[in-house]
């Protein structure tokens, strides 16, 4: 996948957010950006409750974190701080993020990679982007 210079790359799972900016012109060169604090949410998407199929609060906490990340990305887009956004997230987290995106955020997404790459090195993340 080819991404523009200045593209914000968000790497997310149910507990962590890492932000990078592509500084490369011909190839991908990621520079870490500070990740803002994510507001704690009691639960994720509206209507989700614990049940026999979802017996613990860990899933709700992960969904809530994903919705908090969606809020942060929405704010960055709506404050005109992001022109292009690439999201790399664990598959379940990706689904929750999509539910929380503002329509303007969704319009700025230039790509999605449904993989859990949190905890990977910058070089491994760049390689995954190039292969996508």
N, C-alpha and C. Protein backbone atom coordinates (compact mmCIF):
# COMPACT_ATOMS: atom_id res chain seq x y z
N UNK A 1 0.85 -1.18 0.00
CA UNK A 1 0.00 0.00 0.00
C UNK A 1 0.90 1.24 0.00
N UNK A 2 0.55 2.18 -0.79
CA UNK A 2 1.26 3.45 -0.85
C UNK A 2 0.43 4.48 -0.09
N UNK A 3 1.08 5.20 0.84
CA UNK A 3 0.37 6.24 1.57
C UNK A 3 1.10 7.57 1.39
N UNK A 4 0.36 8.64 1.45
CA UNK A 4 0.90 9.98 1.23
C UNK A 4 1.77 10.41 2.40
N UNK A 5 2.69 11.32 2.10
CA UNK A 5 3.47 11.96 3.15
C UNK A 5 2.48 12.71 4.05
N UNK A 6 2.66 12.59 5.35
CA UNK A 6 1.78 13.26 6.29
C UNK A 6 0.61 12.42 6.75
N UNK A 7 0.43 11.24 6.18
CA UNK A 7 -0.67 10.36 6.60
C UNK A 7 -0.48 9.96 8.05
N UNK A 8 -1.53 10.08 8.84
CA UNK A 8 -1.52 9.63 10.23
C UNK A 8 -1.83 8.14 10.23
N UNK A 9 -0.99 7.37 10.90
CA UNK A 9 -1.18 5.93 11.03
C UNK A 9 -1.52 5.64 12.49
N UNK A 10 -2.71 5.10 12.72
CA UNK A 10 -3.15 4.74 14.06
C UNK A 10 -3.09 3.22 14.20
N UNK A 11 -2.34 2.75 15.19
CA UNK A 11 -2.21 1.32 15.47
C UNK A 11 -2.91 1.07 16.79
N UNK A 12 -3.96 0.23 16.74
CA UNK A 12 -4.87 0.11 17.88
C UNK A 12 -5.18 -1.35 18.19
N UNK A 13 -5.31 -1.65 19.48
CA UNK A 13 -5.96 -2.88 19.91
C UNK A 13 -6.93 -2.50 21.01
N UNK A 14 -7.39 -3.43 21.78
CA UNK A 14 -8.38 -3.13 22.80
C UNK A 14 -7.85 -2.40 24.02
N UNK A 15 -6.53 -2.18 24.07
CA UNK A 15 -5.94 -1.53 25.24
C UNK A 15 -4.92 -0.44 24.92
N UNK A 16 -4.41 -0.42 23.70
CA UNK A 16 -3.32 0.50 23.37
C UNK A 16 -3.59 1.24 22.07
N UNK A 17 -3.07 2.48 22.01
CA UNK A 17 -3.09 3.28 20.79
C UNK A 17 -1.69 3.82 20.56
N UNK A 18 -1.18 3.63 19.37
CA UNK A 18 0.10 4.22 18.97
C UNK A 18 -0.16 5.01 17.69
N UNK A 19 0.36 6.22 17.62
CA UNK A 19 0.19 7.07 16.44
C UNK A 19 1.54 7.32 15.79
N UNK A 20 1.53 7.30 14.46
CA UNK A 20 2.73 7.56 13.67
C UNK A 20 2.35 8.49 12.53
N UNK A 21 3.34 9.21 12.03
CA UNK A 21 3.14 10.03 10.83
C UNK A 21 4.11 9.54 9.77
N UNK A 22 3.60 9.37 8.55
CA UNK A 22 4.48 8.97 7.45
C UNK A 22 5.23 10.20 6.97
N UNK A 23 6.55 10.15 7.07
CA UNK A 23 7.40 11.24 6.61
C UNK A 23 8.08 10.91 5.30
N UNK A 24 7.88 9.69 4.81
CA UNK A 24 8.53 9.25 3.58
C UNK A 24 7.87 9.82 2.35
N UNK A 25 8.68 9.99 1.30
CA UNK A 25 8.15 10.48 0.03
C UNK A 25 8.02 9.33 -0.97
N UNK A 26 9.06 8.56 -1.12
CA UNK A 26 9.04 7.42 -2.05
C UNK A 26 8.72 6.11 -1.33
N UNK A 27 9.04 6.07 -0.06
CA UNK A 27 8.78 4.86 0.73
C UNK A 27 8.19 5.28 2.07
N UNK A 28 7.79 4.29 2.84
CA UNK A 28 7.16 4.57 4.13
C UNK A 28 8.25 4.79 5.18
N UNK A 29 8.16 5.91 5.87
CA UNK A 29 9.08 6.25 6.95
C UNK A 29 8.22 6.80 8.09
N UNK A 30 8.00 5.96 9.10
CA UNK A 30 7.10 6.33 10.19
C UNK A 30 7.84 7.01 11.33
N UNK A 31 7.26 8.09 11.81
CA UNK A 31 7.76 8.80 12.98
C UNK A 31 6.67 8.77 14.04
N UNK A 32 7.05 8.36 15.25
CA UNK A 32 6.08 8.27 16.34
C UNK A 32 5.55 9.66 16.71
N UNK A 33 4.27 9.70 16.99
CA UNK A 33 3.62 10.91 17.50
C UNK A 33 3.05 10.59 18.87
N UNK A 34 2.98 11.56 19.74
CA UNK A 34 2.41 11.27 21.06
C UNK A 34 0.93 10.90 20.93
N UNK A 35 0.55 9.87 21.65
CA UNK A 35 -0.86 9.45 21.64
C UNK A 35 -1.59 10.18 22.76
N UNK A 36 -2.71 10.79 22.44
CA UNK A 36 -3.48 11.49 23.48
C UNK A 36 -4.11 10.49 24.45
N UNK A 37 -4.47 10.98 25.60
CA UNK A 37 -5.16 10.14 26.59
C UNK A 37 -6.51 9.72 26.02
N UNK A 38 -6.87 8.49 26.30
CA UNK A 38 -8.16 7.96 25.85
C UNK A 38 -9.11 7.97 27.04
N UNK A 39 -10.25 8.61 26.87
CA UNK A 39 -11.24 8.68 27.94
C UNK A 39 -11.76 7.28 28.24
N UNK A 40 -11.86 6.98 29.52
CA UNK A 40 -12.41 5.70 29.94
C UNK A 40 -13.91 5.70 29.66
N UNK A 41 -14.36 4.63 29.06
CA UNK A 41 -15.78 4.47 28.80
C UNK A 41 -16.25 3.23 29.52
N UNK A 42 -17.44 3.27 30.07
CA UNK A 42 -17.97 2.12 30.79
C UNK A 42 -18.25 0.96 29.87
N UNK A 43 -18.67 1.25 28.66
CA UNK A 43 -18.96 0.19 27.70
C UNK A 43 -18.75 0.72 26.30
N UNK A 44 -18.82 -0.17 25.34
CA UNK A 44 -18.59 0.20 23.96
C UNK A 44 -19.85 0.66 23.27
N UNK A 45 -20.18 0.00 22.19
CA UNK A 45 -21.31 0.39 21.37
C UNK A 45 -22.60 0.33 22.15
N UNK A 46 -23.49 1.21 21.82
CA UNK A 46 -24.79 1.24 22.48
C UNK A 46 -25.49 -0.10 22.34
N UNK A 47 -26.14 -0.52 23.41
CA UNK A 47 -26.90 -1.74 23.35
C UNK A 47 -26.13 -2.99 23.72
N UNK A 48 -24.82 -2.87 23.94
CA UNK A 48 -24.02 -4.05 24.30
C UNK A 48 -24.10 -4.27 25.80
N UNK A 49 -24.45 -5.46 26.20
CA UNK A 49 -24.46 -5.80 27.62
C UNK A 49 -23.83 -7.16 27.80
N UNK A 50 -23.37 -7.42 29.01
CA UNK A 50 -22.82 -8.74 29.29
C UNK A 50 -23.93 -9.76 29.24
N UNK A 51 -23.60 -10.94 28.77
CA UNK A 51 -24.57 -12.02 28.68
C UNK A 51 -23.81 -13.33 28.78
N UNK A 52 -24.47 -14.41 28.56
CA UNK A 52 -23.80 -15.70 28.57
C UNK A 52 -22.73 -15.78 27.51
N UNK A 53 -22.95 -15.14 26.39
CA UNK A 53 -21.97 -15.14 25.31
C UNK A 53 -20.85 -14.15 25.58
N UNK A 54 -21.07 -13.23 26.48
CA UNK A 54 -20.10 -12.20 26.81
C UNK A 54 -20.06 -12.08 28.34
N UNK A 55 -19.45 -13.05 29.01
CA UNK A 55 -19.61 -13.15 30.45
C UNK A 55 -18.82 -12.16 31.29
N UNK A 56 -17.84 -11.49 30.75
CA UNK A 56 -17.04 -10.61 31.60
C UNK A 56 -17.02 -9.19 31.08
N UNK A 57 -16.41 -8.34 31.88
CA UNK A 57 -16.36 -6.93 31.54
C UNK A 57 -15.16 -6.57 30.66
N UNK A 58 -14.23 -7.53 30.43
CA UNK A 58 -13.06 -7.24 29.61
C UNK A 58 -13.46 -6.84 28.20
N UNK A 59 -14.42 -7.55 27.63
CA UNK A 59 -14.86 -7.23 26.28
C UNK A 59 -15.47 -5.84 26.24
N UNK A 60 -16.28 -5.51 27.24
CA UNK A 60 -16.88 -4.18 27.27
C UNK A 60 -15.81 -3.11 27.44
N UNK A 61 -14.78 -3.39 28.24
CA UNK A 61 -13.71 -2.42 28.43
C UNK A 61 -12.95 -2.20 27.11
N UNK A 62 -12.70 -3.28 26.37
CA UNK A 62 -12.02 -3.15 25.08
C UNK A 62 -12.87 -2.38 24.08
N UNK A 63 -14.17 -2.67 24.07
CA UNK A 63 -15.08 -1.94 23.18
C UNK A 63 -15.10 -0.46 23.56
N UNK A 64 -15.13 -0.19 24.85
CA UNK A 64 -15.13 1.19 25.32
C UNK A 64 -13.86 1.92 24.94
N UNK A 65 -12.72 1.22 25.04
CA UNK A 65 -11.45 1.82 24.64
C UNK A 65 -11.48 2.16 23.15
N UNK A 66 -11.98 1.22 22.33
CA UNK A 66 -12.06 1.47 20.89
C UNK A 66 -12.94 2.68 20.59
N UNK A 67 -14.05 2.81 21.30
CA UNK A 67 -14.91 3.97 21.07
C UNK A 67 -14.22 5.26 21.52
N UNK A 68 -13.41 5.19 22.58
CA UNK A 68 -12.62 6.34 23.01
C UNK A 68 -11.60 6.73 21.95
N UNK A 69 -10.97 5.73 21.33
CA UNK A 69 -10.02 5.99 20.23
C UNK A 69 -10.75 6.63 19.06
N UNK A 70 -11.93 6.12 18.73
CA UNK A 70 -12.72 6.72 17.65
C UNK A 70 -13.00 8.19 17.95
N UNK A 71 -13.32 8.50 19.20
CA UNK A 71 -13.57 9.90 19.59
C UNK A 71 -12.34 10.76 19.36
N UNK A 72 -11.16 10.24 19.74
CA UNK A 72 -9.90 10.98 19.57
C UNK A 72 -9.62 11.21 18.08
N UNK A 73 -9.79 10.17 17.26
CA UNK A 73 -9.55 10.32 15.83
C UNK A 73 -10.56 11.28 15.21
N UNK A 74 -11.82 11.20 15.64
CA UNK A 74 -12.82 12.15 15.15
C UNK A 74 -12.41 13.59 15.46
N UNK A 75 -11.94 13.82 16.69
CA UNK A 75 -11.55 15.18 17.08
C UNK A 75 -10.38 15.67 16.24
N UNK A 76 -9.38 14.81 16.01
CA UNK A 76 -8.25 15.21 15.17
C UNK A 76 -8.69 15.59 13.76
N UNK A 77 -9.61 14.81 13.21
CA UNK A 77 -10.11 15.09 11.86
C UNK A 77 -10.94 16.38 11.85
N UNK A 78 -11.86 16.49 12.79
CA UNK A 78 -12.75 17.66 12.81
C UNK A 78 -12.01 18.95 13.16
N UNK A 79 -10.85 18.83 13.86
CA UNK A 79 -10.01 20.00 14.14
C UNK A 79 -9.04 20.28 13.00
N UNK A 80 -9.20 19.57 11.88
CA UNK A 80 -8.37 19.75 10.68
C UNK A 80 -6.90 19.47 10.93
N UNK A 81 -6.61 18.47 11.78
CA UNK A 81 -5.22 18.09 12.06
C UNK A 81 -4.83 16.82 11.30
N UNK A 82 -5.80 16.20 10.61
CA UNK A 82 -5.53 14.98 9.87
C UNK A 82 -6.20 15.07 8.50
N UNK A 83 -5.39 14.92 7.45
CA UNK A 83 -5.94 14.90 6.10
C UNK A 83 -6.17 13.47 5.63
N UNK A 84 -5.21 12.58 5.97
CA UNK A 84 -5.28 11.18 5.55
C UNK A 84 -5.02 10.31 6.77
N UNK A 85 -5.80 9.23 6.89
CA UNK A 85 -5.72 8.36 8.05
C UNK A 85 -5.66 6.91 7.60
N UNK A 86 -4.65 6.19 8.11
CA UNK A 86 -4.54 4.75 7.91
C UNK A 86 -4.72 4.12 9.28
N UNK A 87 -5.62 3.15 9.38
CA UNK A 87 -5.90 2.50 10.66
C UNK A 87 -5.47 1.05 10.59
N UNK A 88 -4.66 0.65 11.55
CA UNK A 88 -4.25 -0.74 11.71
C UNK A 88 -4.78 -1.18 13.06
N UNK A 89 -5.68 -2.15 13.06
CA UNK A 89 -6.31 -2.56 14.32
C UNK A 89 -6.64 -4.03 14.30
N UNK A 90 -6.67 -4.60 15.50
CA UNK A 90 -7.15 -5.97 15.64
C UNK A 90 -8.55 -6.02 15.03
N UNK A 91 -8.92 -7.12 14.39
CA UNK A 91 -10.21 -7.18 13.67
C UNK A 91 -11.42 -6.74 14.49
N UNK A 92 -11.54 -7.22 15.72
CA UNK A 92 -12.70 -6.84 16.55
C UNK A 92 -12.67 -5.35 16.86
N UNK A 93 -11.48 -4.85 17.16
CA UNK A 93 -11.33 -3.42 17.46
C UNK A 93 -11.67 -2.59 16.23
N UNK A 94 -11.27 -3.05 15.06
CA UNK A 94 -11.57 -2.33 13.81
C UNK A 94 -13.08 -2.16 13.66
N UNK A 95 -13.83 -3.21 13.95
CA UNK A 95 -15.29 -3.12 13.86
C UNK A 95 -15.86 -2.08 14.80
N UNK A 96 -15.34 -2.03 16.01
CA UNK A 96 -15.82 -1.03 16.97
C UNK A 96 -15.43 0.39 16.54
N UNK A 97 -14.23 0.54 15.99
CA UNK A 97 -13.80 1.86 15.52
C UNK A 97 -14.74 2.37 14.44
N UNK A 98 -15.05 1.51 13.49
CA UNK A 98 -15.93 1.91 12.38
C UNK A 98 -17.27 2.42 12.90
N UNK A 99 -17.79 1.78 13.94
CA UNK A 99 -19.08 2.20 14.50
C UNK A 99 -19.02 3.60 15.09
N UNK A 100 -17.81 4.00 15.56
CA UNK A 100 -17.69 5.29 16.22
C UNK A 100 -17.20 6.43 15.37
N UNK A 101 -16.83 6.14 14.11
CA UNK A 101 -16.29 7.20 13.26
C UNK A 101 -17.36 8.19 12.82
N UNK A 102 -17.00 9.45 12.88
CA UNK A 102 -17.80 10.52 12.29
C UNK A 102 -17.70 10.34 10.76
N UNK A 103 -18.69 10.81 10.04
CA UNK A 103 -18.66 10.63 8.57
C UNK A 103 -17.44 11.31 7.95
N UNK A 104 -16.97 12.39 8.53
CA UNK A 104 -15.78 13.07 8.02
C UNK A 104 -14.53 12.22 8.26
N UNK A 105 -14.49 11.56 9.40
CA UNK A 105 -13.37 10.66 9.69
C UNK A 105 -13.35 9.51 8.70
N UNK A 106 -14.51 8.91 8.49
CA UNK A 106 -14.62 7.80 7.53
C UNK A 106 -14.15 8.24 6.15
N UNK A 107 -14.42 9.48 5.78
CA UNK A 107 -14.01 9.98 4.47
C UNK A 107 -12.50 10.18 4.37
N UNK A 108 -11.84 10.36 5.49
CA UNK A 108 -10.38 10.58 5.49
C UNK A 108 -9.58 9.28 5.59
N UNK A 109 -10.25 8.17 5.85
CA UNK A 109 -9.55 6.89 5.96
C UNK A 109 -9.10 6.46 4.56
N UNK A 110 -7.80 6.32 4.40
CA UNK A 110 -7.24 5.93 3.10
C UNK A 110 -6.93 4.44 3.06
N UNK A 111 -7.01 3.79 4.22
CA UNK A 111 -6.77 2.36 4.26
C UNK A 111 -6.98 1.79 5.64
N UNK A 112 -7.26 0.49 5.65
CA UNK A 112 -7.45 -0.25 6.90
C UNK A 112 -6.67 -1.55 6.78
N UNK A 113 -6.00 -1.91 7.85
CA UNK A 113 -5.33 -3.21 7.93
C UNK A 113 -5.84 -3.87 9.21
N UNK A 114 -6.55 -4.97 9.06
CA UNK A 114 -7.12 -5.67 10.21
C UNK A 114 -6.13 -6.68 10.76
N UNK A 115 -5.16 -6.17 11.52
CA UNK A 115 -4.15 -6.99 12.18
C UNK A 115 -3.81 -6.33 13.50
N UNK A 116 -3.44 -7.14 14.48
CA UNK A 116 -2.98 -6.59 15.74
C UNK A 116 -1.48 -6.39 15.66
N UNK A 117 -1.05 -5.15 15.47
CA UNK A 117 0.36 -4.83 15.37
C UNK A 117 0.85 -3.96 16.52
N UNK A 118 0.02 -3.77 17.55
CA UNK A 118 0.50 -3.03 18.71
C UNK A 118 1.63 -3.83 19.34
N UNK A 119 2.64 -3.15 19.80
CA UNK A 119 3.78 -3.83 20.38
C UNK A 119 4.83 -4.22 19.35
N UNK A 120 4.54 -4.04 18.08
CA UNK A 120 5.52 -4.32 17.03
C UNK A 120 6.40 -3.09 16.81
N UNK A 121 7.56 -3.32 16.23
CA UNK A 121 8.47 -2.21 15.96
C UNK A 121 7.95 -1.35 14.81
N UNK A 122 8.48 -0.14 14.73
CA UNK A 122 8.10 0.77 13.65
C UNK A 122 8.42 0.14 12.29
N UNK A 123 9.56 -0.53 12.21
CA UNK A 123 9.93 -1.18 10.95
C UNK A 123 8.95 -2.29 10.56
N UNK A 124 8.48 -3.06 11.54
CA UNK A 124 7.52 -4.13 11.27
C UNK A 124 6.18 -3.55 10.82
N UNK A 125 5.78 -2.43 11.41
CA UNK A 125 4.53 -1.78 11.02
C UNK A 125 4.66 -1.24 9.59
N UNK A 126 5.80 -0.59 9.30
CA UNK A 126 6.02 -0.07 7.94
C UNK A 126 6.01 -1.21 6.92
N UNK A 127 6.61 -2.34 7.27
CA UNK A 127 6.63 -3.48 6.36
C UNK A 127 5.22 -4.01 6.12
N UNK A 128 4.41 -4.06 7.16
CA UNK A 128 3.02 -4.52 7.01
C UNK A 128 2.23 -3.58 6.10
N UNK A 129 2.47 -2.28 6.20
CA UNK A 129 1.79 -1.31 5.34
C UNK A 129 2.21 -1.53 3.89
N UNK A 130 3.50 -1.71 3.66
CA UNK A 130 4.00 -1.90 2.30
C UNK A 130 3.43 -3.16 1.67
N UNK A 131 3.23 -4.22 2.48
CA UNK A 131 2.70 -5.48 1.96
C UNK A 131 1.20 -5.43 1.70
N UNK A 132 0.50 -4.53 2.37
CA UNK A 132 -0.97 -4.47 2.26
C UNK A 132 -1.40 -3.96 0.90
